[in-house]
Amino acid sequence: MSKKNNDPNPIIKFILMYIILALALFIPAGTIFWLQGGIYIIMMIVFSTSFIIYLKKKDPELLKARAKTKTTESWDKKIGIIAGVFFLAMYILPGFDAVRFQWSSISLLINIIGFVGMILALILFFLVNRENTYLSRVVEIQEERGHKVITTGPYKIVRHPMYLAIIVLFPCHCLALGSFYSLIPCTGLIITIIFRIYYEDKKLHEELKGYKEYAKKTRFKLIPGIW
């Protein structure tokens, strides 16, 4: 009980996160006059604000779960640290690459494709959260909430649609911001996510009632027909 009361307000966590991400984008760029960077930050703030308002009204328990960052799994901690390094690099590089030094030369059309891909990924992200009230940023079985297998919506197609949304979102993020070089840490981040899916799926097989049966019906973890 006391642990819940001591958790920071999830809304404050989201606000702080976007302040840090904005600084990570614009300080390397050396200017605030960066069209793609401005559109990106505005788009993400609008989506995140709408998402938080929706969860606060419809599913406050999921909002708390999404703000949680402490994990009990040692492998999840290690993967989280590695992913965090790649994630930060993916945010810092575009400012240097696309604005300050202009290493990459990406057309406006590619920028637009990147933003469209981001919008599609965010739509999938929302649909997955709407369907699964047990989603958390850490790998855990939420026994206190009566954690059960979700088999509806995107979960009819693949077992980990949230990760699919993220894996689409990150490369599109790089293209929208006009940076080919940021695809390097993005690739590393995707690889860490694939490792996390493997270990998480194994844990769910072992500890979540009904997951084995669900996995037999929904065969693919991430991409239909492939894996």
C-alpha atoms as a PDB file:
ATOM      1  CA  MET A   1       0.000   0.000   0.000  1.00  0.00           C
ATOM      2  CA  SER A   2       2.714   2.509   0.969  1.00  0.00           C
ATOM      3  CA  LYS A   3       4.659   1.651  -2.155  1.00  0.00           C
ATOM      4  CA  LYS A   4       1.768   2.814  -4.311  1.00  0.00           C
ATOM      5  CA  ASN A   5       1.482   6.072  -2.393  1.00  0.00           C
ATOM      6  CA  ASN A   6       5.183   6.783  -2.831  1.00  0.00           C
ATOM      7  CA  ASP A   7       5.117   6.357  -6.619  1.00  0.00           C
ATOM      8  CA  PRO A   8       5.659   9.646  -8.476  1.00  0.00           C
ATOM      9  CA  ASN A   9       2.682  11.083 -10.306  1.00  0.00           C
ATOM     10  CA  PRO A  10       2.675   9.436 -13.767  1.00  0.00           C
ATOM     11  CA  ILE A  11       1.718  12.742 -15.412  1.00  0.00           C
ATOM     12  CA  ILE A  12       4.800  14.412 -13.929  1.00  0.00           C
ATOM     13  CA  LYS A  13       6.907  11.521 -15.253  1.00  0.00           C
ATOM     14  CA  PHE A  14       5.592  12.051 -18.777  1.00  0.00           C
ATOM     15  CA  ILE A  15       6.176  15.824 -18.627  1.00  0.00           C
ATOM     16  CA  LEU A  16       9.763  15.383 -17.412  1.00  0.00           C
ATOM     17  CA  MET A  17      10.397  12.772 -20.088  1.00  0.00           C
ATOM     18  CA  TYR A  18       9.388  15.115 -22.909  1.00  0.00           C
ATOM     19  CA  ILE A  19      11.399  17.994 -21.500  1.00  0.00           C
ATOM     20  CA  ILE A  20      14.474  15.739 -21.520  1.00  0.00           C
ATOM     21  CA  LEU A  21      13.724  14.450 -25.032  1.00  0.00           C
ATOM     22  CA  ALA A  22      13.232  17.986 -26.365  1.00  0.00           C
ATOM     23  CA  LEU A  23      16.595  19.007 -24.900  1.00  0.00           C
ATOM     24  CA  ALA A  24      18.201  15.872 -26.380  1.00  0.00           C
ATOM     25  CA  LEU A  25      16.936  16.905 -29.816  1.00  0.00           C
ATOM     26  CA  PHE A  26      17.481  20.663 -29.862  1.00  0.00           C
ATOM     27  CA  ILE A  27      20.743  21.115 -27.906  1.00  0.00           C
ATOM     28  CA  PRO A  28      22.760  19.002 -30.415  1.00  0.00           C
ATOM     29  CA  ALA A  29      21.012  20.878 -33.245  1.00  0.00           C
ATOM     30  CA  GLY A  30      22.255  24.165 -31.792  1.00  0.00           C
ATOM     31  CA  THR A  31      19.051  25.953 -32.776  1.00  0.00           C
ATOM     32  CA  ILE A  32      15.340  25.982 -32.017  1.00  0.00           C
ATOM     33  CA  PHE A  33      14.575  26.738 -35.672  1.00  0.00           C
ATOM     34  CA  TRP A  34      14.288  23.138 -36.816  1.00  0.00           C
ATOM     35  CA  LEU A  35      11.014  22.438 -38.606  1.00  0.00           C
ATOM     36  CA  GLN A  36      11.088  18.632 -38.423  1.00  0.00           C
ATOM     37  CA  GLY A  37      12.156  18.712 -34.773  1.00  0.00           C
ATOM     38  CA  GLY A  38       9.377  21.143 -33.895  1.00  0.00           C
ATOM     39  CA  ILE A  39       6.716  19.115 -35.706  1.00  0.00           C
ATOM     40  CA  TYR A  40       8.000  15.956 -34.017  1.00  0.00           C
ATOM     41  CA  ILE A  41       7.859  17.365 -30.481  1.00  0.00           C
ATOM     42  CA  ILE A  42       4.422  18.955 -31.017  1.00  0.00           C
ATOM     43  CA  MET A  43       3.042  15.714 -32.485  1.00  0.00           C
ATOM     44  CA  MET A  44       4.377  13.599 -29.611  1.00  0.00           C
ATOM     45  CA  ILE A  45       3.154  16.052 -26.949  1.00  0.00           C
ATOM     46  CA  VAL A  46      -0.331  16.184 -28.502  1.00  0.00           C
ATOM     47  CA  PHE A  47      -0.490  12.384 -28.710  1.00  0.00           C
ATOM     48  CA  SER A  48       0.889  11.826 -25.197  1.00  0.00           C
ATOM     49  CA  THR A  49      -1.422  14.436 -23.649  1.00  0.00           C
ATOM     50  CA  SER A  50      -4.464  12.915 -25.370  1.00  0.00           C
ATOM     51  CA  PHE A  51      -3.307   9.432 -24.359  1.00  0.00           C
ATOM     52  CA  ILE A  52      -2.849  10.439 -20.703  1.00  0.00           C
ATOM     53  CA  ILE A  53      -6.262  12.155 -20.589  1.00  0.00           C
ATOM     54  CA  TYR A  54      -7.852   9.042 -22.099  1.00  0.00           C
ATOM     55  CA  LEU A  55      -6.169   6.676 -19.620  1.00  0.00           C
ATOM     56  CA  LYS A  56      -6.874   8.956 -16.644  1.00  0.00           C
ATOM     57  CA  LYS A  57     -10.566   8.818 -17.508  1.00  0.00           C
ATOM     58  CA  LYS A  58     -10.923   5.260 -18.845  1.00  0.00           C
ATOM     59  CA  ASP A  59      -8.147   3.204 -17.210  1.00  0.00           C
ATOM     60  CA  PRO A  60      -6.209   4.951 -14.388  1.00  0.00           C
ATOM     61  CA  GLU A  61      -4.640   1.650 -13.306  1.00  0.00           C
ATOM     62  CA  LEU A  62      -3.054   1.251 -16.725  1.00  0.00           C
ATOM     63  CA  LEU A  63      -1.724   4.823 -16.501  1.00  0.00           C
ATOM     64  CA  LYS A  64       0.045   3.872 -13.259  1.00  0.00           C
ATOM     65  CA  ALA A  65       1.411   0.705 -14.851  1.00  0.00           C
ATOM     66  CA  ARG A  66       2.724   2.667 -17.856  1.00  0.00           C
ATOM     67  CA  ALA A  67       4.607   5.023 -15.506  1.00  0.00           C
ATOM     68  CA  LYS A  68       6.295   2.182 -13.620  1.00  0.00           C
ATOM     69  CA  THR A  69      10.025   1.771 -14.281  1.00  0.00           C
ATOM     70  CA  LYS A  70      11.324  -0.600 -11.578  1.00  0.00           C
ATOM     71  CA  THR A  71      11.632  -4.230 -12.643  1.00  0.00           C
ATOM     72  CA  THR A  72      12.334  -7.339 -10.583  1.00  0.00           C
ATOM     73  CA  GLU A  73      13.808  -9.391 -13.442  1.00  0.00           C
ATOM     74  CA  SER A  74      17.619  -9.206 -13.695  1.00  0.00           C
ATOM     75  CA  TRP A  75      17.557  -9.803 -17.466  1.00  0.00           C
ATOM     76  CA  ASP A  76      14.999  -7.011 -17.887  1.00  0.00           C
ATOM     77  CA  LYS A  77      17.254  -4.593 -15.982  1.00  0.00           C
ATOM     78  CA  LYS A  78      20.239  -5.424 -18.197  1.00  0.00           C
ATOM     79  CA  ILE A  79      18.214  -5.135 -21.391  1.00  0.00           C
ATOM     80  CA  GLY A  80      16.724  -1.874 -20.101  1.00  0.00           C
ATOM     81  CA  ILE A  81      20.161  -0.321 -19.552  1.00  0.00           C
ATOM     82  CA  ILE A  82      21.395  -1.309 -23.021  1.00  0.00           C
ATOM     83  CA  ALA A  83      18.149  -0.142 -24.645  1.00  0.00           C
ATOM     84  CA  GLY A  84      18.377   3.156 -22.756  1.00  0.00           C
ATOM     85  CA  VAL A  85      21.821   3.884 -24.236  1.00  0.00           C
ATOM     86  CA  PHE A  86      20.598   3.180 -27.782  1.00  0.00           C
ATOM     87  CA  PHE A  87      17.419   5.191 -27.162  1.00  0.00           C
ATOM     88  CA  LEU A  88      19.329   8.262 -25.966  1.00  0.00           C
ATOM     89  CA  ALA A  89      21.741   8.037 -28.911  1.00  0.00           C
ATOM     90  CA  MET A  90      18.780   7.816 -31.281  1.00  0.00           C
ATOM     91  CA  TYR A  91      17.510  11.148 -29.903  1.00  0.00           C
ATOM     92  CA  ILE A  92      20.857  12.951 -29.722  1.00  0.00           C
ATOM     93  CA  LEU A  93      22.151  12.045 -33.208  1.00  0.00           C
ATOM     94  CA  PRO A  94      19.451  13.698 -35.388  1.00  0.00           C
ATOM     95  CA  GLY A  95      20.303  17.196 -34.160  1.00  0.00           C
ATOM     96  CA  PHE A  96      23.978  16.743 -35.026  1.00  0.00           C
ATOM     97  CA  ASP A  97      23.257  14.834 -38.236  1.00  0.00           C
ATOM     98  CA  ALA A  98      20.294  16.614 -39.838  1.00  0.00           C
ATOM     99  CA  VAL A  99      20.897  20.171 -38.588  1.00  0.00           C
ATOM    100  CA  ARG A 100      24.312  21.059 -37.197  1.00  0.00           C
ATOM    101  CA  PHE A 101      26.628  19.055 -39.497  1.00  0.00           C
ATOM    102  CA  GLN A 102      24.141  17.846 -42.134  1.00  0.00           C
ATOM    103  CA  TRP A 103      25.818  14.468 -42.626  1.00  0.00           C
ATOM    104  CA  SER A 104      22.616  12.966 -44.036  1.00  0.00           C
ATOM    105  CA  SER A 105      20.747  14.198 -47.070  1.00  0.00           C
ATOM    106  CA  ILE A 106      17.112  13.161 -46.743  1.00  0.00           C
ATOM    107  CA  SER A 107      14.370  14.500 -49.008  1.00  0.00           C
ATOM    108  CA  LEU A 108      11.172  16.093 -47.761  1.00  0.00           C
ATOM    109  CA  LEU A 109       9.269  13.097 -49.134  1.00  0.00           C
ATOM    110  CA  ILE A 110      11.218  10.749 -46.825  1.00  0.00           C
ATOM    111  CA  ASN A 111      10.490  13.092 -43.899  1.00  0.00           C
ATOM    112  CA  ILE A 112       6.783  12.911 -44.730  1.00  0.00           C
ATOM    113  CA  ILE A 113       6.891   9.109 -45.034  1.00  0.00           C
ATOM    114  CA  GLY A 114       8.555   9.027 -41.615  1.00  0.00           C
ATOM    115  CA  PHE A 115       5.833  11.152 -40.025  1.00  0.00           C
ATOM    116  CA  VAL A 116       3.061   9.093 -41.667  1.00  0.00           C
ATOM    117  CA  GLY A 117       4.712   5.898 -40.374  1.00  0.00           C
ATOM    118  CA  MET A 118       4.889   7.427 -36.894  1.00  0.00           C
ATOM    119  CA  ILE A 119       1.178   8.258 -36.981  1.00  0.00           C
ATOM    120  CA  LEU A 120       0.299   4.682 -37.996  1.00  0.00           C
ATOM    121  CA  ALA A 121       2.539   3.287 -35.242  1.00  0.00           C
ATOM    122  CA  LEU A 122       0.939   5.589 -32.643  1.00  0.00           C
ATOM    123  CA  ILE A 123      -2.535   4.482 -33.746  1.00  0.00           C
ATOM    124  CA  LEU A 124      -1.506   0.842 -33.206  1.00  0.00           C
ATOM    125  CA  PHE A 125       0.069   1.852 -29.860  1.00  0.00           C
ATOM    126  CA  PHE A 126      -3.265   3.355 -28.768  1.00  0.00           C
ATOM    127  CA  LEU A 127      -5.320   0.363 -29.957  1.00  0.00           C
ATOM    128  CA  VAL A 128      -3.071  -2.033 -28.033  1.00  0.00           C
ATOM    129  CA  ASN A 129      -3.343   0.024 -24.836  1.00  0.00           C
ATOM    130  CA  ARG A 130      -7.112   0.257 -25.232  1.00  0.00           C
ATOM    131  CA  GLU A 131      -7.296  -3.532 -25.517  1.00  0.00           C
ATOM    132  CA  ASN A 132      -4.854  -4.559 -22.771  1.00  0.00           C
ATOM    133  CA  THR A 133      -5.228  -3.019 -19.324  1.00  0.00           C
ATOM    134  CA  TYR A 134      -2.254  -5.057 -18.022  1.00  0.00           C
ATOM    135  CA  LEU A 135       0.392  -3.417 -20.219  1.00  0.00           C
ATOM    136  CA  SER A 136       3.403  -2.246 -18.278  1.00  0.00           C
ATOM    137  CA  ARG A 137       6.788  -0.759 -19.133  1.00  0.00           C
ATOM    138  CA  VAL A 138       8.364  -3.530 -17.038  1.00  0.00           C
ATOM    139  CA  VAL A 139       7.922  -7.278 -17.421  1.00  0.00           C
ATOM    140  CA  GLU A 140       5.644  -8.499 -14.632  1.00  0.00           C
ATOM    141  CA  ILE A 141       2.615 -10.649 -13.868  1.00  0.00           C
ATOM    142  CA  GLN A 142       0.093  -8.353 -12.174  1.00  0.00           C
ATOM    143  CA  GLU A 143      -1.489 -10.893  -9.847  1.00  0.00           C
ATOM    144  CA  GLU A 144      -2.984  -8.171  -7.618  1.00  0.00           C
ATOM    145  CA  ARG A 145      -5.046  -6.994 -10.614  1.00  0.00           C
ATOM    146  CA  GLY A 146      -6.114 -10.473 -11.710  1.00  0.00           C
ATOM    147  CA  HIS A 147      -3.784 -10.525 -14.709  1.00  0.00           C
ATOM    148  CA  LYS A 148      -5.222 -12.605 -17.550  1.00  0.00           C
ATOM    149  CA  VAL A 149      -4.388 -13.318 -21.187  1.00  0.00           C
ATOM    150  CA  ILE A 150      -5.689 -10.784 -23.726  1.00  0.00           C
ATOM    151  CA  THR A 151      -6.753 -12.411 -27.004  1.00  0.00           C
ATOM    152  CA  THR A 152      -8.800  -9.658 -28.671  1.00  0.00           C
ATOM    153  CA  GLY A 153      -8.030  -6.779 -31.044  1.00  0.00           C
ATOM    154  CA  PRO A 154      -4.404  -6.718 -32.271  1.00  0.00           C
ATOM    155  CA  TYR A 155      -3.703  -9.689 -29.978  1.00  0.00           C
ATOM    156  CA  LYS A 156      -5.654 -11.894 -32.392  1.00  0.00           C
ATOM    157  CA  ILE A 157      -2.869 -11.361 -34.942  1.00  0.00           C
ATOM    158  CA  VAL A 158       0.385 -11.374 -32.925  1.00  0.00           C
ATOM    159  CA  ARG A 159       1.219 -11.959 -29.268  1.00  0.00           C
ATOM    160  CA  HIS A 160       3.229  -8.748 -28.807  1.00  0.00           C
ATOM    161  CA  PRO A 161       1.573  -5.976 -30.868  1.00  0.00           C
ATOM    162  CA  MET A 162       2.922  -3.250 -28.561  1.00  0.00           C
ATOM    163  CA  TYR A 163       6.480  -4.119 -29.557  1.00  0.00           C
ATOM    164  CA  LEU A 164       5.418  -4.129 -33.212  1.00  0.00           C
ATOM    165  CA  ALA A 165       4.140  -0.553 -32.810  1.00  0.00           C
ATOM    166  CA  ILE A 166       7.428   0.506 -31.196  1.00  0.00           C
ATOM    167  CA  ILE A 167       9.579  -1.220 -33.832  1.00  0.00           C
ATOM    168  CA  VAL A 168       7.678   0.638 -36.567  1.00  0.00           C
ATOM    169  CA  LEU A 169       7.784   3.925 -34.622  1.00  0.00           C
ATOM    170  CA  PHE A 170      11.546   4.142 -34.038  1.00  0.00           C
ATOM    171  CA  PRO A 171      12.853   3.911 -37.651  1.00  0.00           C
ATOM    172  CA  CYS A 172      10.100   6.291 -38.744  1.00  0.00           C
ATOM    173  CA  HIS A 173      11.283   8.662 -35.988  1.00  0.00           C
ATOM    174  CA  CYS A 174      14.754   8.703 -37.595  1.00  0.00           C
ATOM    175  CA  LEU A 175      13.403   9.357 -41.095  1.00  0.00           C
ATOM    176  CA  ALA A 176      10.966  12.041 -39.907  1.00  0.00           C
ATOM    177  CA  LEU A 177      13.846  13.905 -38.256  1.00  0.00           C
ATOM    178  CA  GLY A 178      16.004  13.534 -41.371  1.00  0.00           C
ATOM    179  CA  SER A 179      18.805  11.388 -39.962  1.00  0.00           C
ATOM    180  CA  PHE A 180      20.135   8.217 -41.571  1.00  0.00           C
ATOM    181  CA  TYR A 181      22.894   7.966 -38.931  1.00  0.00           C
ATOM    182  CA  SER A 182      20.355   7.668 -36.110  1.00  0.00           C
ATOM    183  CA  LEU A 183      19.218   4.418 -37.756  1.00  0.00           C
ATOM    184  CA  ILE A 184      22.420   2.857 -36.350  1.00  0.00           C
ATOM    185  CA  PRO A 185      21.409   3.109 -32.649  1.00  0.00           C
ATOM    186  CA  CYS A 186      17.820   2.475 -33.758  1.00  0.00           C
ATOM    187  CA  THR A 187      18.907  -0.921 -35.120  1.00  0.00           C
ATOM    188  CA  GLY A 188      20.647  -1.706 -31.832  1.00  0.00           C
ATOM    189  CA  LEU A 189      17.489  -0.733 -29.958  1.00  0.00           C
ATOM    190  CA  ILE A 190      15.337  -3.010 -32.111  1.00  0.00           C
ATOM    191  CA  ILE A 191      17.718  -5.918 -31.465  1.00  0.00           C
ATOM    192  CA  THR A 192      17.412  -5.389 -27.686  1.00  0.00           C
ATOM    193  CA  ILE A 193      13.620  -5.322 -28.063  1.00  0.00           C
ATOM    194  CA  ILE A 194      13.714  -8.678 -29.880  1.00  0.00           C
ATOM    195  CA  PHE A 195      15.753 -10.159 -26.998  1.00  0.00           C
ATOM    196  CA  ARG A 196      13.227  -8.729 -24.537  1.00  0.00           C
ATOM    197  CA  ILE A 197      10.324 -10.261 -26.473  1.00  0.00           C
ATOM    198  CA  TYR A 198      12.027 -13.672 -26.317  1.00  0.00           C
ATOM    199  CA  TYR A 199      12.544 -13.526 -22.533  1.00  0.00           C
ATOM    200  CA  GLU A 200       9.156 -11.961 -21.827  1.00  0.00           C
ATOM    201  CA  ASP A 201       7.345 -14.557 -23.912  1.00  0.00           C
ATOM    202  CA  LYS A 202       9.174 -17.291 -22.026  1.00  0.00           C
ATOM    203  CA  LYS A 203       8.110 -15.788 -18.682  1.00  0.00           C
ATOM    204  CA  LEU A 204       4.495 -15.520 -19.818  1.00  0.00           C
ATOM    205  CA  HIS A 205       4.540 -19.179 -20.907  1.00  0.00           C
ATOM    206  CA  GLU A 206       5.793 -20.183 -17.462  1.00  0.00           C
ATOM    207  CA  GLU A 207       3.782 -17.893 -15.190  1.00  0.00           C
ATOM    208  CA  LEU A 208       0.627 -16.543 -16.862  1.00  0.00           C
ATOM    209  CA  LYS A 209      -2.329 -18.927 -16.762  1.00  0.00           C
ATOM    210  CA  GLY A 210      -3.766 -19.641 -20.207  1.00  0.00           C
ATOM    211  CA  TYR A 211      -0.838 -18.161 -22.129  1.00  0.00           C
ATOM    212  CA  LYS A 212       0.384 -21.525 -23.471  1.00  0.00           C
ATOM    213  CA  GLU A 213      -3.027 -22.211 -25.000  1.00  0.00           C
ATOM    214  CA  TYR A 214      -3.152 -18.679 -26.431  1.00  0.00           C
ATOM    215  CA  ALA A 215       0.327 -19.116 -27.951  1.00  0.00           C
ATOM    216  CA  LYS A 216      -0.811 -22.273 -29.740  1.00  0.00           C
ATOM    217  CA  LYS A 217      -3.678 -20.356 -31.392  1.00  0.00           C
ATOM    218  CA  THR A 218      -1.731 -17.121 -32.032  1.00  0.00           C
ATOM    219  CA  ARG A 219       1.540 -18.577 -33.295  1.00  0.00           C
ATOM    220  CA  PHE A 220       3.521 -15.470 -34.142  1.00  0.00           C
ATOM    221  CA  LYS A 221       5.152 -13.209 -31.557  1.00  0.00           C
ATOM    222  CA  LEU A 222       5.788 -10.081 -33.605  1.00  0.00           C
ATOM    223  CA  ILE A 223       5.339 -10.320 -37.393  1.00  0.00           C
ATOM    224  CA  PRO A 224       2.566 -12.443 -38.927  1.00  0.00           C
ATOM    225  CA  GLY A 225       3.952 -15.320 -40.986  1.00  0.00           C
ATOM    226  CA  ILE A 226       7.563 -14.669 -39.935  1.00  0.00           C
ATOM    227  CA  TRP A 227       8.164 -14.745 -36.142  1.00  0.00           C
END
